Amino acid sequence: MNKKKIGEIIKTEREKRDLTQCELGIELGQTEESAQTRISKIEKGLLTPNIDELIKLSLLFNVSTDYLLGISSRKNNSTQITVSDAFIRIRKARPIHPH
């Protein structure tokens, strides 16, 4: 996981929405005193967002967590599949061999 890339993505998304670091930190549940410092460290790659922050960022920015983590260049995971389709895909990927 590239902390610097994650920070750059978050900074870009924050700036698109004209939010300050402090405003974003407060949206993520930080106190006014710690909000700016925490977001600054995340954007510089010194910290990574925790799972709760990652989910909130995903919802706030309307992007996937994979995008925020730099795993995918697609901002949204718009592909929806049913549970049965998921099982079919899993079976095709890893066939079950009885012992």
N, C-alpha and C. Protein backbone atom coordinates (compact mmCIF):
# COMPACT_ATOMS: atom_id res chain seq x y z
N MET A 1 0.84 -1.17 0.00
CA MET A 1 0.00 0.00 0.00
C MET A 1 0.90 1.24 0.00
N ASN A 2 0.66 2.12 -0.94
CA ASN A 2 1.46 3.33 -1.09
C ASN A 2 0.78 4.49 -0.36
N LYS A 3 1.26 4.81 0.84
CA LYS A 3 0.64 5.87 1.65
C LYS A 3 0.64 7.21 0.94
N LYS A 4 1.72 7.50 0.22
CA LYS A 4 1.81 8.79 -0.46
C LYS A 4 0.74 8.91 -1.55
N LYS A 5 0.53 7.83 -2.30
CA LYS A 5 -0.49 7.85 -3.35
C LYS A 5 -1.88 8.00 -2.75
N ILE A 6 -2.14 7.29 -1.66
CA ILE A 6 -3.43 7.42 -0.98
C ILE A 6 -3.66 8.87 -0.57
N GLY A 7 -2.64 9.48 0.01
CA GLY A 7 -2.73 10.87 0.44
C GLY A 7 -2.99 11.82 -0.72
N GLU A 8 -2.33 11.57 -1.84
CA GLU A 8 -2.53 12.43 -3.02
C GLU A 8 -3.96 12.32 -3.55
N ILE A 9 -4.49 11.11 -3.57
CA ILE A 9 -5.87 10.90 -4.04
C ILE A 9 -6.85 11.62 -3.13
N ILE A 10 -6.66 11.49 -1.83
CA ILE A 10 -7.56 12.14 -0.87
C ILE A 10 -7.47 13.66 -1.00
N LYS A 11 -6.27 14.17 -1.15
CA LYS A 11 -6.09 15.62 -1.31
C LYS A 11 -6.80 16.11 -2.57
N THR A 12 -6.63 15.40 -3.67
CA THR A 12 -7.28 15.78 -4.93
C THR A 12 -8.80 15.81 -4.77
N GLU A 13 -9.35 14.77 -4.17
CA GLU A 13 -10.81 14.69 -3.98
C GLU A 13 -11.30 15.78 -3.02
N ARG A 14 -10.52 16.06 -1.98
CA ARG A 14 -10.89 17.13 -1.03
C ARG A 14 -10.92 18.48 -1.72
N GLU A 15 -9.87 18.75 -2.51
CA GLU A 15 -9.78 20.05 -3.19
C GLU A 15 -10.86 20.22 -4.24
N LYS A 16 -11.28 19.14 -4.89
CA LYS A 16 -12.37 19.21 -5.87
C LYS A 16 -13.65 19.72 -5.22
N ARG A 17 -13.78 19.46 -3.93
CA ARG A 17 -15.00 19.83 -3.20
C ARG A 17 -14.83 21.11 -2.38
N ASP A 18 -13.70 21.77 -2.59
CA ASP A 18 -13.40 23.02 -1.88
C ASP A 18 -13.51 22.88 -0.36
N LEU A 19 -13.04 21.75 0.15
CA LEU A 19 -13.01 21.53 1.59
C LEU A 19 -11.62 21.83 2.12
N THR A 20 -11.55 22.42 3.30
CA THR A 20 -10.26 22.58 3.96
C THR A 20 -9.91 21.26 4.64
N GLN A 21 -8.68 21.11 5.04
CA GLN A 21 -8.28 19.91 5.77
C GLN A 21 -9.07 19.81 7.07
N CYS A 22 -9.27 20.93 7.72
CA CYS A 22 -10.02 20.95 8.98
C CYS A 22 -11.47 20.51 8.75
N GLU A 23 -12.11 21.03 7.71
CA GLU A 23 -13.50 20.65 7.42
C GLU A 23 -13.62 19.15 7.14
N LEU A 24 -12.68 18.62 6.37
CA LEU A 24 -12.71 17.20 6.07
C LEU A 24 -12.49 16.38 7.34
N GLY A 25 -11.55 16.78 8.15
CA GLY A 25 -11.30 16.07 9.40
C GLY A 25 -12.51 16.03 10.30
N ILE A 26 -13.21 17.14 10.38
CA ILE A 26 -14.43 17.20 11.19
C ILE A 26 -15.49 16.26 10.62
N GLU A 27 -15.63 16.23 9.28
CA GLU A 27 -16.57 15.30 8.62
C GLU A 27 -16.24 13.85 8.96
N LEU A 28 -14.97 13.58 9.19
CA LEU A 28 -14.53 12.21 9.51
C LEU A 28 -14.60 11.91 11.00
N GLY A 29 -15.06 12.89 11.80
CA GLY A 29 -15.26 12.65 13.22
C GLY A 29 -14.14 13.14 14.13
N GLN A 30 -13.20 13.89 13.57
CA GLN A 30 -12.11 14.43 14.40
C GLN A 30 -12.60 15.69 15.13
N THR A 31 -11.91 16.03 16.20
CA THR A 31 -12.21 17.28 16.90
C THR A 31 -11.60 18.43 16.09
N GLU A 32 -12.07 19.63 16.33
CA GLU A 32 -11.50 20.78 15.62
C GLU A 32 -10.00 20.90 15.86
N GLU A 33 -9.57 20.54 17.06
CA GLU A 33 -8.16 20.67 17.41
C GLU A 33 -7.27 19.69 16.63
N SER A 34 -7.78 18.49 16.35
CA SER A 34 -6.95 17.47 15.69
C SER A 34 -7.24 17.29 14.21
N ALA A 35 -8.34 17.85 13.72
CA ALA A 35 -8.81 17.58 12.35
C ALA A 35 -7.77 17.95 11.29
N GLN A 36 -7.29 19.16 11.32
CA GLN A 36 -6.36 19.62 10.27
C GLN A 36 -5.06 18.83 10.31
N THR A 37 -4.56 18.58 11.51
CA THR A 37 -3.29 17.86 11.66
C THR A 37 -3.40 16.44 11.10
N ARG A 38 -4.47 15.74 11.42
CA ARG A 38 -4.64 14.35 10.96
C ARG A 38 -4.75 14.31 9.44
N ILE A 39 -5.56 15.17 8.84
CA ILE A 39 -5.73 15.16 7.38
C ILE A 39 -4.41 15.56 6.71
N SER A 40 -3.71 16.51 7.26
CA SER A 40 -2.42 16.91 6.71
C SER A 40 -1.46 15.72 6.67
N LYS A 41 -1.41 14.96 7.75
CA LYS A 41 -0.52 13.79 7.82
C LYS A 41 -0.95 12.70 6.84
N ILE A 42 -2.26 12.52 6.67
CA ILE A 42 -2.75 11.53 5.70
C ILE A 42 -2.35 11.96 4.29
N GLU A 43 -2.57 13.24 3.97
CA GLU A 43 -2.26 13.74 2.63
C GLU A 43 -0.77 13.70 2.32
N LYS A 44 0.07 13.83 3.33
CA LYS A 44 1.52 13.76 3.14
C LYS A 44 2.04 12.32 3.10
N GLY A 45 1.15 11.35 3.40
CA GLY A 45 1.56 9.96 3.41
C GLY A 45 2.21 9.50 4.70
N LEU A 46 2.05 10.29 5.75
CA LEU A 46 2.62 9.92 7.05
C LEU A 46 1.69 9.01 7.84
N LEU A 47 0.39 9.10 7.55
CA LEU A 47 -0.63 8.25 8.17
C LEU A 47 -1.53 7.70 7.07
N THR A 48 -2.19 6.59 7.35
CA THR A 48 -3.24 6.11 6.44
C THR A 48 -4.57 6.22 7.17
N PRO A 49 -5.64 6.45 6.42
CA PRO A 49 -6.95 6.52 7.07
C PRO A 49 -7.32 5.15 7.64
N ASN A 50 -7.97 5.16 8.80
CA ASN A 50 -8.44 3.90 9.36
C ASN A 50 -9.68 3.45 8.58
N ILE A 51 -10.17 2.27 8.87
CA ILE A 51 -11.28 1.71 8.08
C ILE A 51 -12.53 2.58 8.15
N ASP A 52 -12.84 3.12 9.31
CA ASP A 52 -14.02 3.99 9.44
C ASP A 52 -13.85 5.25 8.59
N GLU A 53 -12.66 5.84 8.64
CA GLU A 53 -12.39 7.04 7.84
C GLU A 53 -12.46 6.71 6.34
N LEU A 54 -11.93 5.56 5.98
CA LEU A 54 -11.94 5.15 4.58
C LEU A 54 -13.36 5.02 4.05
N ILE A 55 -14.23 4.41 4.84
CA ILE A 55 -15.63 4.27 4.43
C ILE A 55 -16.30 5.64 4.33
N LYS A 56 -16.07 6.50 5.30
CA LYS A 56 -16.66 7.84 5.27
C LYS A 56 -16.15 8.63 4.07
N LEU A 57 -14.85 8.53 3.77
CA LEU A 57 -14.29 9.22 2.61
C LEU A 57 -14.92 8.71 1.32
N SER A 58 -15.09 7.41 1.23
CA SER A 58 -15.70 6.80 0.06
C SER A 58 -17.11 7.35 -0.16
N LEU A 59 -17.88 7.43 0.91
CA LEU A 59 -19.25 7.95 0.82
C LEU A 59 -19.26 9.45 0.52
N LEU A 60 -18.42 10.19 1.20
CA LEU A 60 -18.36 11.64 1.03
C LEU A 60 -17.94 12.02 -0.39
N PHE A 61 -16.94 11.32 -0.92
CA PHE A 61 -16.41 11.64 -2.25
C PHE A 61 -17.12 10.87 -3.36
N ASN A 62 -18.00 9.94 -2.99
CA ASN A 62 -18.72 9.11 -3.95
C ASN A 62 -17.75 8.34 -4.85
N VAL A 63 -16.76 7.73 -4.23
CA VAL A 63 -15.78 6.91 -4.94
C VAL A 63 -15.62 5.59 -4.20
N SER A 64 -15.04 4.61 -4.85
CA SER A 64 -14.84 3.32 -4.21
C SER A 64 -13.64 3.37 -3.26
N THR A 65 -13.65 2.48 -2.30
CA THR A 65 -12.49 2.38 -1.40
C THR A 65 -11.26 1.91 -2.17
N ASP A 66 -11.46 1.07 -3.18
CA ASP A 66 -10.34 0.63 -4.02
C ASP A 66 -9.67 1.82 -4.70
N TYR A 67 -10.48 2.77 -5.15
CA TYR A 67 -9.92 3.97 -5.78
C TYR A 67 -9.12 4.77 -4.76
N LEU A 68 -9.69 4.97 -3.57
CA LEU A 68 -9.00 5.74 -2.53
C LEU A 68 -7.68 5.10 -2.12
N LEU A 69 -7.63 3.77 -2.17
CA LEU A 69 -6.42 3.05 -1.79
C LEU A 69 -5.42 2.91 -2.93
N GLY A 70 -5.81 3.42 -4.11
CA GLY A 70 -4.92 3.35 -5.26
C GLY A 70 -4.87 1.97 -5.89
N ILE A 71 -5.82 1.10 -5.56
CA ILE A 71 -5.88 -0.25 -6.11
C ILE A 71 -6.50 -0.24 -7.50
N SER A 72 -7.45 0.66 -7.70
CA SER A 72 -8.17 0.74 -8.97
C SER A 72 -8.18 2.18 -9.47
N SER A 73 -8.12 2.35 -10.77
CA SER A 73 -8.22 3.70 -11.33
C SER A 73 -9.69 4.08 -11.56
N ARG A 74 -10.59 3.10 -11.44
CA ARG A 74 -12.02 3.37 -11.57
C ARG A 74 -12.52 3.98 -10.28
N LYS A 75 -13.16 5.13 -10.40
CA LYS A 75 -13.63 5.81 -9.18
C LYS A 75 -14.78 5.08 -8.51
N ASN A 76 -15.66 4.51 -9.31
CA ASN A 76 -16.83 3.83 -8.75
C ASN A 76 -16.84 2.38 -9.18
N ASN A 77 -17.24 1.51 -8.27
CA ASN A 77 -17.45 0.12 -8.61
C ASN A 77 -18.92 -0.03 -8.97
N SER A 78 -19.24 0.25 -10.21
CA SER A 78 -20.65 0.25 -10.60
C SER A 78 -21.16 -1.12 -11.01
N THR A 79 -20.28 -2.09 -11.14
CA THR A 79 -20.71 -3.42 -11.51
C THR A 79 -21.38 -4.08 -10.32
N GLN A 80 -22.62 -4.49 -10.51
CA GLN A 80 -23.34 -5.17 -9.44
C GLN A 80 -23.65 -6.58 -9.89
N ILE A 81 -23.42 -7.54 -9.01
CA ILE A 81 -23.72 -8.92 -9.33
C ILE A 81 -24.53 -9.53 -8.20
N THR A 82 -25.27 -10.58 -8.52
CA THR A 82 -26.05 -11.26 -7.50
C THR A 82 -25.14 -12.21 -6.74
N VAL A 83 -25.62 -12.69 -5.61
CA VAL A 83 -24.85 -13.63 -4.80
C VAL A 83 -24.59 -14.90 -5.60
N SER A 84 -25.60 -15.38 -6.32
CA SER A 84 -25.40 -16.61 -7.10
C SER A 84 -24.36 -16.40 -8.20
N ASP A 85 -24.36 -15.21 -8.83
CA ASP A 85 -23.33 -14.90 -9.83
C ASP A 85 -21.95 -14.89 -9.20
N ALA A 86 -21.86 -14.39 -7.98
CA ALA A 86 -20.58 -14.34 -7.29
C ALA A 86 -20.06 -15.75 -7.04
N PHE A 87 -20.94 -16.65 -6.59
CA PHE A 87 -20.51 -18.03 -6.36
C PHE A 87 -20.07 -18.70 -7.65
N ILE A 88 -20.77 -18.44 -8.74
CA ILE A 88 -20.39 -19.00 -10.04
C ILE A 88 -19.00 -18.51 -10.43
N ARG A 89 -18.74 -17.22 -10.25
CA ARG A 89 -17.43 -16.67 -10.59
C ARG A 89 -16.32 -17.27 -9.72
N ILE A 90 -16.62 -17.47 -8.45
CA ILE A 90 -15.64 -18.05 -7.54
C ILE A 90 -15.32 -19.49 -7.96
N ARG A 91 -16.36 -20.25 -8.28
CA ARG A 91 -16.15 -21.64 -8.69
C ARG A 91 -15.31 -21.73 -9.97
N LYS A 92 -15.57 -20.82 -10.90
CA LYS A 92 -14.80 -20.82 -12.15
C LYS A 92 -13.35 -20.46 -11.89
N ALA A 93 -13.14 -19.56 -10.95
CA ALA A 93 -11.78 -19.12 -10.65
C ALA A 93 -11.00 -20.19 -9.90
N ARG A 94 -11.66 -20.91 -9.00
CA ARG A 94 -11.00 -21.95 -8.21
C ARG A 94 -11.91 -23.18 -8.16
N PRO A 95 -11.75 -24.09 -9.10
CA PRO A 95 -12.60 -25.28 -9.11
C PRO A 95 -12.45 -26.08 -7.82
N ILE A 96 -13.55 -26.62 -7.38
CA ILE A 96 -13.56 -27.44 -6.17
C ILE A 96 -13.21 -28.87 -6.55
N HIS A 97 -12.17 -29.42 -5.91
CA HIS A 97 -11.75 -30.80 -6.17
C HIS A 97 -12.02 -31.63 -4.94
N PRO A 98 -12.95 -32.59 -5.06
CA PRO A 98 -13.22 -33.46 -3.90
C PRO A 98 -12.01 -34.34 -3.59
N HIS A 99 -11.82 -34.65 -2.33
CA HIS A 99 -10.68 -35.47 -1.90
C HIS A 99 -10.98 -36.92 -2.04
